[in-house]
PDB file of N, CA and C in Angstrom:
ATOM      1  N   MET A   1       2.759  -6.211  16.230  1.00  0.00           N
ATOM      2  CA  MET A   1       2.213  -5.074  15.520  1.00  0.00           C
ATOM      3  C   MET A   1       0.778  -4.834  15.969  1.00  0.00           C
ATOM      4  N   GLU A   2       0.379  -3.624  15.840  1.00  0.00           N
ATOM      5  CA  GLU A   2      -0.972  -3.248  16.235  1.00  0.00           C
ATOM      6  C   GLU A   2      -1.888  -3.247  15.021  1.00  0.00           C
ATOM      7  N   PHE A   3      -3.163  -3.536  15.265  1.00  0.00           N
ATOM      8  CA  PHE A   3      -4.130  -3.646  14.178  1.00  0.00           C
ATOM      9  C   PHE A   3      -4.200  -2.367  13.343  1.00  0.00           C
ATOM     10  N   GLU A   4      -4.182  -1.236  14.001  1.00  0.00           N
ATOM     11  CA  GLU A   4      -4.296   0.044  13.298  1.00  0.00           C
ATOM     12  C   GLU A   4      -3.159   0.223  12.284  1.00  0.00           C
ATOM     13  N   GLN A   5      -1.991  -0.311  12.588  1.00  0.00           N
ATOM     14  CA  GLN A   5      -0.865  -0.208  11.663  1.00  0.00           C
ATOM     15  C   GLN A   5      -1.199  -0.878  10.332  1.00  0.00           C
ATOM     16  N   TYR A   6      -1.933  -1.973  10.375  1.00  0.00           N
ATOM     17  CA  TYR A   6      -2.310  -2.659   9.141  1.00  0.00           C
ATOM     18  C   TYR A   6      -3.220  -1.782   8.283  1.00  0.00           C
ATOM     19  N   ARG A   7      -4.138  -1.100   8.916  1.00  0.00           N
ATOM     20  CA  ARG A   7      -5.001  -0.165   8.162  1.00  0.00           C
ATOM     21  C   ARG A   7      -4.165   0.921   7.506  1.00  0.00           C
ATOM     22  N   PHE A   8      -3.226   1.477   8.255  1.00  0.00           N
ATOM     23  CA  PHE A   8      -2.361   2.524   7.712  1.00  0.00           C
ATOM     24  C   PHE A   8      -1.526   1.984   6.550  1.00  0.00           C
ATOM     25  N   PHE A   9      -0.990   0.789   6.728  1.00  0.00           N
ATOM     26  CA  PHE A   9      -0.151   0.174   5.701  1.00  0.00           C
ATOM     27  C   PHE A   9      -0.945  -0.070   4.418  1.00  0.00           C
ATOM     28  N   VAL A  10      -2.114  -0.698   4.538  1.00  0.00           N
ATOM     29  CA  VAL A  10      -2.935  -1.004   3.363  1.00  0.00           C
ATOM     30  C   VAL A  10      -3.366   0.278   2.662  1.00  0.00           C
ATOM     31  N   SER A  11      -3.795   1.254   3.396  1.00  0.00           N
ATOM     32  CA  SER A  11      -4.218   2.515   2.800  1.00  0.00           C
ATOM     33  C   SER A  11      -3.067   3.201   2.073  1.00  0.00           C
ATOM     34  N   THR A  12      -1.883   3.205   2.670  1.00  0.00           N
ATOM     35  CA  THR A  12      -0.721   3.821   2.025  1.00  0.00           C
ATOM     36  C   THR A  12      -0.363   3.067   0.753  1.00  0.00           C
ATOM     37  N   ALA A  13      -0.419   1.748   0.797  1.00  0.00           N
ATOM     38  CA  ALA A  13      -0.113   0.944  -0.393  1.00  0.00           C
ATOM     39  C   ALA A  13      -1.104   1.252  -1.515  1.00  0.00           C
ATOM     40  N   GLU A  14      -2.355   1.393  -1.185  1.00  0.00           N
ATOM     41  CA  GLU A  14      -3.380   1.653  -2.199  1.00  0.00           C
ATOM     42  C   GLU A  14      -3.328   3.079  -2.722  1.00  0.00           C
ATOM     43  N   GLU A  15      -3.061   4.013  -1.854  1.00  0.00           N
ATOM     44  CA  GLU A  15      -2.995   5.424  -2.256  1.00  0.00           C
ATOM     45  C   GLU A  15      -1.627   5.802  -2.828  1.00  0.00           C
ATOM     46  N   LYS A  16      -0.610   4.975  -2.526  1.00  0.00           N
ATOM     47  CA  LYS A  16       0.774   5.224  -2.943  1.00  0.00           C
ATOM     48  C   LYS A  16       1.304   6.544  -2.408  1.00  0.00           C
ATOM     49  N   SER A  17       0.754   6.929  -1.251  1.00  0.00           N
ATOM     50  CA  SER A  17       1.120   8.206  -0.652  1.00  0.00           C
ATOM     51  C   SER A  17       0.718   8.228   0.821  1.00  0.00           C
ATOM     52  N   VAL A  18       1.640   8.658   1.655  1.00  0.00           N
ATOM     53  CA  VAL A  18       1.330   8.825   3.077  1.00  0.00           C
ATOM     54  C   VAL A  18       0.318   9.943   3.259  1.00  0.00           C
ATOM     55  N   ILE A  19       0.488  11.023   2.533  1.00  0.00           N
ATOM     56  CA  ILE A  19      -0.418  12.178   2.661  1.00  0.00           C
ATOM     57  C   ILE A  19      -1.849  11.782   2.291  1.00  0.00           C
ATOM     58  N   LYS A  20      -2.015  11.089   1.172  1.00  0.00           N
ATOM     59  CA  LYS A  20      -3.361  10.678   0.751  1.00  0.00           C
ATOM     60  C   LYS A  20      -3.962   9.670   1.728  1.00  0.00           C
ATOM     61  N   ALA A  21      -3.148   8.761   2.214  1.00  0.00           N
ATOM     62  CA  ALA A  21      -3.638   7.783   3.193  1.00  0.00           C
ATOM     63  C   ALA A  21      -4.071   8.490   4.476  1.00  0.00           C
ATOM     64  N   ALA A  22      -3.272   9.449   4.920  1.00  0.00           N
ATOM     65  CA  ALA A  22      -3.606  10.193   6.137  1.00  0.00           C
ATOM     66  C   ALA A  22      -4.917  10.954   5.963  1.00  0.00           C
ATOM     67  N   ASP A  23      -5.082  11.599   4.812  1.00  0.00           N
ATOM     68  CA  ASP A  23      -6.326  12.322   4.542  1.00  0.00           C
ATOM     69  C   ASP A  23      -7.525  11.365   4.528  1.00  0.00           C
ATOM     70  N   LYS A  24      -7.347  10.218   3.905  1.00  0.00           N
ATOM     71  CA  LYS A  24      -8.424   9.227   3.801  1.00  0.00           C
ATOM     72  C   LYS A  24      -8.832   8.693   5.172  1.00  0.00           C
ATOM     73  N   LEU A  25      -7.849   8.509   6.054  1.00  0.00           N
ATOM     74  CA  LEU A  25      -8.120   7.918   7.368  1.00  0.00           C
ATOM     75  C   LEU A  25      -8.295   8.961   8.475  1.00  0.00           C
ATOM     76  N   TYR A  26      -8.200  10.236   8.112  1.00  0.00           N
ATOM     77  CA  TYR A  26      -8.381  11.330   9.073  1.00  0.00           C
ATOM     78  C   TYR A  26      -7.380  11.286  10.226  1.00  0.00           C
ATOM     79  N   VAL A  27      -6.127  11.031   9.879  1.00  0.00           N
ATOM     80  CA  VAL A  27      -5.040  11.080  10.846  1.00  0.00           C
ATOM     81  C   VAL A  27      -3.929  11.938  10.243  1.00  0.00           C
ATOM     82  N   THR A  28      -2.930  12.241  11.043  1.00  0.00           N
ATOM     83  CA  THR A  28      -1.820  13.035  10.522  1.00  0.00           C
ATOM     84  C   THR A  28      -0.863  12.156   9.731  1.00  0.00           C
ATOM     85  N   ARG A  29      -0.122  12.786   8.852  1.00  0.00           N
ATOM     86  CA  ARG A  29       0.864  12.007   8.090  1.00  0.00           C
ATOM     87  C   ARG A  29       1.978  11.508   8.997  1.00  0.00           C
ATOM     88  N   GLN A  30       2.228  12.241  10.077  1.00  0.00           N
ATOM     89  CA  GLN A  30       3.230  11.792  11.041  1.00  0.00           C
ATOM     90  C   GLN A  30       2.800  10.477  11.707  1.00  0.00           C
ATOM     91  N   THR A  31       1.510  10.351  11.963  1.00  0.00           N
ATOM     92  CA  THR A  31       0.975   9.127  12.550  1.00  0.00           C
ATOM     93  C   THR A  31       1.200   7.945  11.611  1.00  0.00           C
ATOM     94  N   ILE A  32       0.890   8.152  10.335  1.00  0.00           N
ATOM     95  CA  ILE A  32       1.080   7.091   9.338  1.00  0.00           C
ATOM     96  C   ILE A  32       2.563   6.758   9.196  1.00  0.00           C
ATOM     97  N   SER A  33       3.393   7.775   9.048  1.00  0.00           N
ATOM     98  CA  SER A  33       4.832   7.559   8.861  1.00  0.00           C
ATOM     99  C   SER A  33       5.438   6.804  10.039  1.00  0.00           C
ATOM    100  N   ALA A  34       5.070   7.193  11.243  1.00  0.00           N
ATOM    101  CA  ALA A  34       5.601   6.521  12.437  1.00  0.00           C
ATOM    102  C   ALA A  34       5.165   5.057  12.465  1.00  0.00           C
ATOM    103  N   ALA A  35       3.910   4.796  12.120  1.00  0.00           N
ATOM    104  CA  ALA A  35       3.407   3.421  12.112  1.00  0.00           C
ATOM    105  C   ALA A  35       4.138   2.578  11.071  1.00  0.00           C
ATOM    106  N   LEU A  36       4.351   3.135   9.887  1.00  0.00           N
ATOM    107  CA  LEU A  36       5.052   2.401   8.833  1.00  0.00           C
ATOM    108  C   LEU A  36       6.497   2.138   9.222  1.00  0.00           C
ATOM    109  N   ASN A  37       7.137   3.118   9.836  1.00  0.00           N
ATOM    110  CA  ASN A  37       8.522   2.924  10.286  1.00  0.00           C
ATOM    111  C   ASN A  37       8.606   1.810  11.327  1.00  0.00           C
ATOM    112  N   ARG A  38       7.649   1.778  12.258  1.00  0.00           N
ATOM    113  CA  ARG A  38       7.624   0.711  13.262  1.00  0.00           C
ATOM    114  C   ARG A  38       7.414  -0.653  12.607  1.00  0.00           C
ATOM    115  N   MET A  39       6.514  -0.700  11.632  1.00  0.00           N
ATOM    116  CA  MET A  39       6.254  -1.963  10.933  1.00  0.00           C
ATOM    117  C   MET A  39       7.510  -2.461  10.224  1.00  0.00           C
ATOM    118  N   GLU A  40       8.190  -1.570   9.556  1.00  0.00           N
ATOM    119  CA  GLU A  40       9.401  -1.955   8.843  1.00  0.00           C
ATOM    120  C   GLU A  40      10.498  -2.388   9.817  1.00  0.00           C
ATOM    121  N   ASP A  41      10.587  -1.692  10.931  1.00  0.00           N
ATOM    122  CA  ASP A  41      11.566  -2.090  11.956  1.00  0.00           C
ATOM    123  C   ASP A  41      11.258  -3.491  12.484  1.00  0.00           C
ATOM    124  N   GLU A  42       9.994  -3.742  12.784  1.00  0.00           N
ATOM    125  CA  GLU A  42       9.602  -5.036  13.314  1.00  0.00           C
ATOM    126  C   GLU A  42       9.743  -6.145  12.270  1.00  0.00           C
ATOM    127  N   ALA A  43       9.424  -5.834  11.017  1.00  0.00           N
ATOM    128  CA  ALA A  43       9.536  -6.833   9.952  1.00  0.00           C
ATOM    129  C   ALA A  43      11.002  -7.116   9.622  1.00  0.00           C
ATOM    130  N   GLY A  44      11.848  -6.102   9.756  1.00  0.00           N
ATOM    131  CA  GLY A  44      13.263  -6.273   9.451  1.00  0.00           C
ATOM    132  C   GLY A  44      13.603  -6.043   7.993  1.00  0.00           C
ATOM    133  N   PHE A  45      12.664  -5.471   7.239  1.00  0.00           N
ATOM    134  CA  PHE A  45      12.915  -5.161   5.828  1.00  0.00           C
ATOM    135  C   PHE A  45      11.982  -4.025   5.400  1.00  0.00           C
ATOM    136  N   PRO A  46      12.360  -3.302   4.336  1.00  0.00           N
ATOM    137  CA  PRO A  46      11.490  -2.223   3.865  1.00  0.00           C
ATOM    138  C   PRO A  46      10.231  -2.771   3.191  1.00  0.00           C
ATOM    139  N   LEU A  47       9.122  -2.120   3.437  1.00  0.00           N
ATOM    140  CA  LEU A  47       7.854  -2.488   2.813  1.00  0.00           C
ATOM    141  C   LEU A  47       7.587  -1.657   1.563  1.00  0.00           C
ATOM    142  N   PHE A  48       8.215  -0.479   1.512  1.00  0.00           N
ATOM    143  CA  PHE A  48       8.000   0.449   0.401  1.00  0.00           C
ATOM    144  C   PHE A  48       9.319   0.919  -0.196  1.00  0.00           C
ATOM    145  N   LYS A  49       9.249   1.235  -1.487  1.00  0.00           N
ATOM    146  CA  LYS A  49      10.302   2.004  -2.152  1.00  0.00           C
ATOM    147  C   LYS A  49       9.755   3.424  -2.205  1.00  0.00           C
ATOM    148  N   ARG A  50      10.480   4.342  -1.623  1.00  0.00           N
ATOM    149  CA  ARG A  50      10.018   5.722  -1.565  1.00  0.00           C
ATOM    150  C   ARG A  50      10.748   6.555  -2.619  1.00  0.00           C
ATOM    151  N   SER A  51       9.987   7.415  -3.308  1.00  0.00           N
ATOM    152  CA  SER A  51      10.580   8.314  -4.296  1.00  0.00           C
ATOM    153  C   SER A  51       9.736   9.577  -4.380  1.00  0.00           C
ATOM    154  N   ASN A  52      10.194  10.514  -5.171  1.00  0.00           N
ATOM    155  CA  ASN A  52       9.427  11.750  -5.364  1.00  0.00           C
ATOM    156  C   ASN A  52       8.100  11.484  -6.069  1.00  0.00           C
ATOM    157  N   GLN A  53       8.011  10.365  -6.792  1.00  0.00           N
ATOM    158  CA  GLN A  53       6.784  10.025  -7.507  1.00  0.00           C
ATOM    159  C   GLN A  53       5.766   9.319  -6.611  1.00  0.00           C
ATOM    160  N   GLY A  54       6.160   8.947  -5.422  1.00  0.00           N
ATOM    161  CA  GLY A  54       5.236   8.276  -4.513  1.00  0.00           C
ATOM    162  C   GLY A  54       5.873   7.066  -3.885  1.00  0.00           C
ATOM    163  N   MET A  55       5.038   6.175  -3.421  1.00  0.00           N
ATOM    164  CA  MET A  55       5.505   4.983  -2.719  1.00  0.00           C
ATOM    165  C   MET A  55       5.025   3.748  -3.457  1.00  0.00           C
ATOM    166  N   GLU A  56       5.943   2.829  -3.672  1.00  0.00           N
ATOM    167  CA  GLU A  56       5.634   1.554  -4.309  1.00  0.00           C
ATOM    168  C   GLU A  56       6.020   0.443  -3.335  1.00  0.00           C
ATOM    169  N   LEU A  57       5.256  -0.608  -3.336  1.00  0.00           N
ATOM    170  CA  LEU A  57       5.571  -1.735  -2.479  1.00  0.00           C
ATOM    171  C   LEU A  57       6.822  -2.451  -2.973  1.00  0.00           C
ATOM    172  N   THR A  58       7.642  -2.902  -2.045  1.00  0.00           N
ATOM    173  CA  THR A  58       8.741  -3.793  -2.385  1.00  0.00           C
ATOM    174  C   THR A  58       8.136  -5.178  -2.638  1.00  0.00           C
ATOM    175  N   GLU A  59       8.935  -6.130  -3.083  1.00  0.00           N
ATOM    176  CA  GLU A  59       8.428  -7.490  -3.279  1.00  0.00           C
ATOM    177  C   GLU A  59       7.890  -8.041  -1.964  1.00  0.00           C
ATOM    178  N   GLU A  60       8.650  -7.842  -0.895  1.00  0.00           N
ATOM    179  CA  GLU A  60       8.206  -8.303   0.420  1.00  0.00           C
ATOM    180  C   GLU A  60       6.968  -7.534   0.865  1.00  0.00           C
ATOM    181  N   GLY A  61       6.926  -6.247   0.552  1.00  0.00           N
ATOM    182  CA  GLY A  61       5.780  -5.424   0.893  1.00  0.00           C
ATOM    183  C   GLY A  61       4.512  -5.887   0.206  1.00  0.00           C
ATOM    184  N   LEU A  62       4.639  -6.367  -1.027  1.00  0.00           N
ATOM    185  CA  LEU A  62       3.476  -6.865  -1.764  1.00  0.00           C
ATOM    186  C   LEU A  62       2.911  -8.118  -1.094  1.00  0.00           C
ATOM    187  N   VAL A  63       3.781  -9.017  -0.677  1.00  0.00           N
ATOM    188  CA  VAL A  63       3.331 -10.217   0.042  1.00  0.00           C
ATOM    189  C   VAL A  63       2.636  -9.800   1.332  1.00  0.00           C
ATOM    190  N   TYR A  64       3.247  -8.877   2.038  1.00  0.00           N
ATOM    191  CA  TYR A  64       2.702  -8.364   3.295  1.00  0.00           C
ATOM    192  C   TYR A  64       1.343  -7.705   3.057  1.00  0.00           C
ATOM    193  N   TYR A  65       1.236  -6.926   1.962  1.00  0.00           N
ATOM    194  CA  TYR A  65      -0.004  -6.225   1.614  1.00  0.00           C
ATOM    195  C   TYR A  65      -1.150  -7.224   1.421  1.00  0.00           C
ATOM    196  N   LYS A  66      -0.895  -8.270   0.657  1.00  0.00           N
ATOM    197  CA  LYS A  66      -1.950  -9.249   0.380  1.00  0.00           C
ATOM    198  C   LYS A  66      -2.468  -9.877   1.672  1.00  0.00           C
ATOM    199  N   LYS A  67      -1.569 -10.179   2.568  1.00  0.00           N
ATOM    200  CA  LYS A  67      -1.974 -10.791   3.844  1.00  0.00           C
ATOM    201  C   LYS A  67      -2.677  -9.774   4.744  1.00  0.00           C
ATOM    202  N   ALA A  68      -2.188  -8.546   4.757  1.00  0.00           N
ATOM    203  CA  ALA A  68      -2.811  -7.500   5.569  1.00  0.00           C
ATOM    204  C   ALA A  68      -4.210  -7.177   5.051  1.00  0.00           C
ATOM    205  N   LYS A  69      -4.363  -7.146   3.733  1.00  0.00           N
ATOM    206  CA  LYS A  69      -5.664  -6.879   3.121  1.00  0.00           C
ATOM    207  C   LYS A  69      -6.668  -7.968   3.525  1.00  0.00           C
ATOM    208  N   LYS A  70      -6.226  -9.233   3.492  1.00  0.00           N
ATOM    209  CA  LYS A  70      -7.092 -10.336   3.899  1.00  0.00           C
ATOM    210  C   LYS A  70      -7.462 -10.206   5.374  1.00  0.00           C
ATOM    211  N   LEU A  71      -6.494  -9.861   6.197  1.00  0.00           N
ATOM    212  CA  LEU A  71      -6.748  -9.671   7.622  1.00  0.00           C
ATOM    213  C   LEU A  71      -7.832  -8.619   7.847  1.00  0.00           C
ATOM    214  N   LEU A  72      -7.758  -7.502   7.146  1.00  0.00           N
ATOM    215  CA  LEU A  72      -8.750  -6.435   7.295  1.00  0.00           C
ATOM    216  C   LEU A  72     -10.124  -6.887   6.808  1.00  0.00           C
ATOM    217  N   LYS A  73     -10.175  -7.621   5.700  1.00  0.00           N
ATOM    218  CA  LYS A  73     -11.467  -8.127   5.203  1.00  0.00           C
ATOM    219  C   LYS A  73     -12.078  -9.109   6.190  1.00  0.00           C
ATOM    220  N   ASP A  74     -11.245  -9.992   6.741  1.00  0.00           N
ATOM    221  CA  ASP A  74     -11.741 -10.944   7.743  1.00  0.00           C
ATOM    222  C   ASP A  74     -12.283 -10.211   8.967  1.00  0.00           C
ATOM    223  N   PHE A  75     -11.613  -9.159   9.374  1.00  0.00           N
ATOM    224  CA  PHE A  75     -12.060  -8.367  10.514  1.00  0.00           C
ATOM    225  C   PHE A  75     -13.402  -7.707  10.214  1.00  0.00           C
ATOM    226  N   GLU A  76     -13.562  -7.169   8.992  1.00  0.00           N
ATOM    227  CA  GLU A  76     -14.835  -6.555   8.607  1.00  0.00           C
ATOM    228  C   GLU A  76     -15.960  -7.588   8.624  1.00  0.00           C
ATOM    229  N   ARG A  77     -15.670  -8.798   8.116  1.00  0.00           N
ATOM    230  CA  ARG A  77     -16.671  -9.861   8.129  1.00  0.00           C
ATOM    231  C   ARG A  77     -17.047 -10.245   9.553  1.00  0.00           C
ATOM    232  N   LEU A  78     -16.058 -10.334  10.414  1.00  0.00           N
ATOM    233  CA  LEU A  78     -16.311 -10.652  11.821  1.00  0.00           C
ATOM    234  C   LEU A  78     -17.235  -9.619  12.446  1.00  0.00           C
ATOM    235  N   ASN A  79     -16.956  -8.345  12.203  1.00  0.00           N
ATOM    236  CA  ASN A  79     -17.808  -7.288  12.747  1.00  0.00           C
ATOM    237  C   ASN A  79     -19.229  -7.381  12.204  1.00  0.00           C
ATOM    238  N   ALA A  80     -19.369  -7.674  10.914  1.00  0.00           N
ATOM    239  CA  ALA A  80     -20.702  -7.816  10.318  1.00  0.00           C
ATOM    240  C   ALA A  80     -21.427  -9.007  10.935  1.00  0.00           C
ATOM    241  N   ASP A  81     -20.714 -10.102  11.138  1.00  0.00           N
ATOM    242  CA  ASP A  81     -21.326 -11.285  11.754  1.00  0.00           C
ATOM    243  C   ASP A  81     -21.790 -10.987  13.175  1.00  0.00           C
ATOM    244  N   ILE A  82     -20.963 -10.293  13.931  1.00  0.00           N
ATOM    245  CA  ILE A  82     -21.315  -9.958  15.316  1.00  0.00           C
ATOM    246  C   ILE A  82     -22.568  -9.099  15.354  1.00  0.00           C
ATOM    247  N   LYS A  83     -22.646  -8.132  14.452  1.00  0.00           N
ATOM    248  CA  LYS A  83     -23.838  -7.274  14.403  1.00  0.00           C
ATOM    249  C   LYS A  83     -25.069  -8.085  14.016  1.00  0.00           C
ATOM    250  N   GLY A  84     -24.884  -9.065  13.125  1.00  0.00           N
ATOM    251  CA  GLY A  84     -25.995  -9.914  12.708  1.00  0.00           C
ATOM    252  C   GLY A  84     -26.519 -10.767  13.849  1.00  0.00           C
ATOM    253  N   TYR A  85     -25.641 -11.258  14.705  1.00  0.00           N
ATOM    254  CA  TYR A  85     -26.063 -12.074  15.847  1.00  0.00           C
ATOM    255  C   TYR A  85     -26.910 -11.265  16.823  1.00  0.00           C
ATOM    256  N   GLY A  86     -26.604 -10.007  16.952  1.00  0.00           N
ATOM    257  CA  GLY A  86     -27.343  -9.157  17.871  1.00  0.00           C
ATOM    258  C   GLY A  86     -28.776  -8.927  17.464  1.00  0.00           C
ATOM    259  N   ARG A  87     -29.103  -9.168  16.203  1.00  0.00           N
ATOM    260  CA  ARG A  87     -30.451  -8.926  15.695  1.00  0.00           C
ATOM    261  C   ARG A  87     -31.321 -10.161  15.762  1.00  0.00           C
ATOM    262  N   ARG A  88     -30.778 -11.267  16.218  1.00  0.00           N
ATOM    263  CA  ARG A  88     -31.570 -12.514  16.259  1.00  0.00           C
ATOM    264  C   ARG A  88     -32.402 -12.594  17.499  1.00  0.00           C
TER     265      ARG A  88
END
């Protein structure tokens, strides 16, 4: 999986909507949908329950979300650390 897919996944989980996630990340909803479909294909199980009311994480999706969220936070910390080293 690609790193950007994790951002799309986490944003969709938090917004409970592909459209809102796409607006938040300044990408098209087709971009988000394609990334989520690839993730689900690669994982071998659905990450979301889709309905007219929005998107909810499946049980497996919730586990995946927690790990993806940690991955993104670790990446943000890494970037902050790298910037800090440059100022020494």
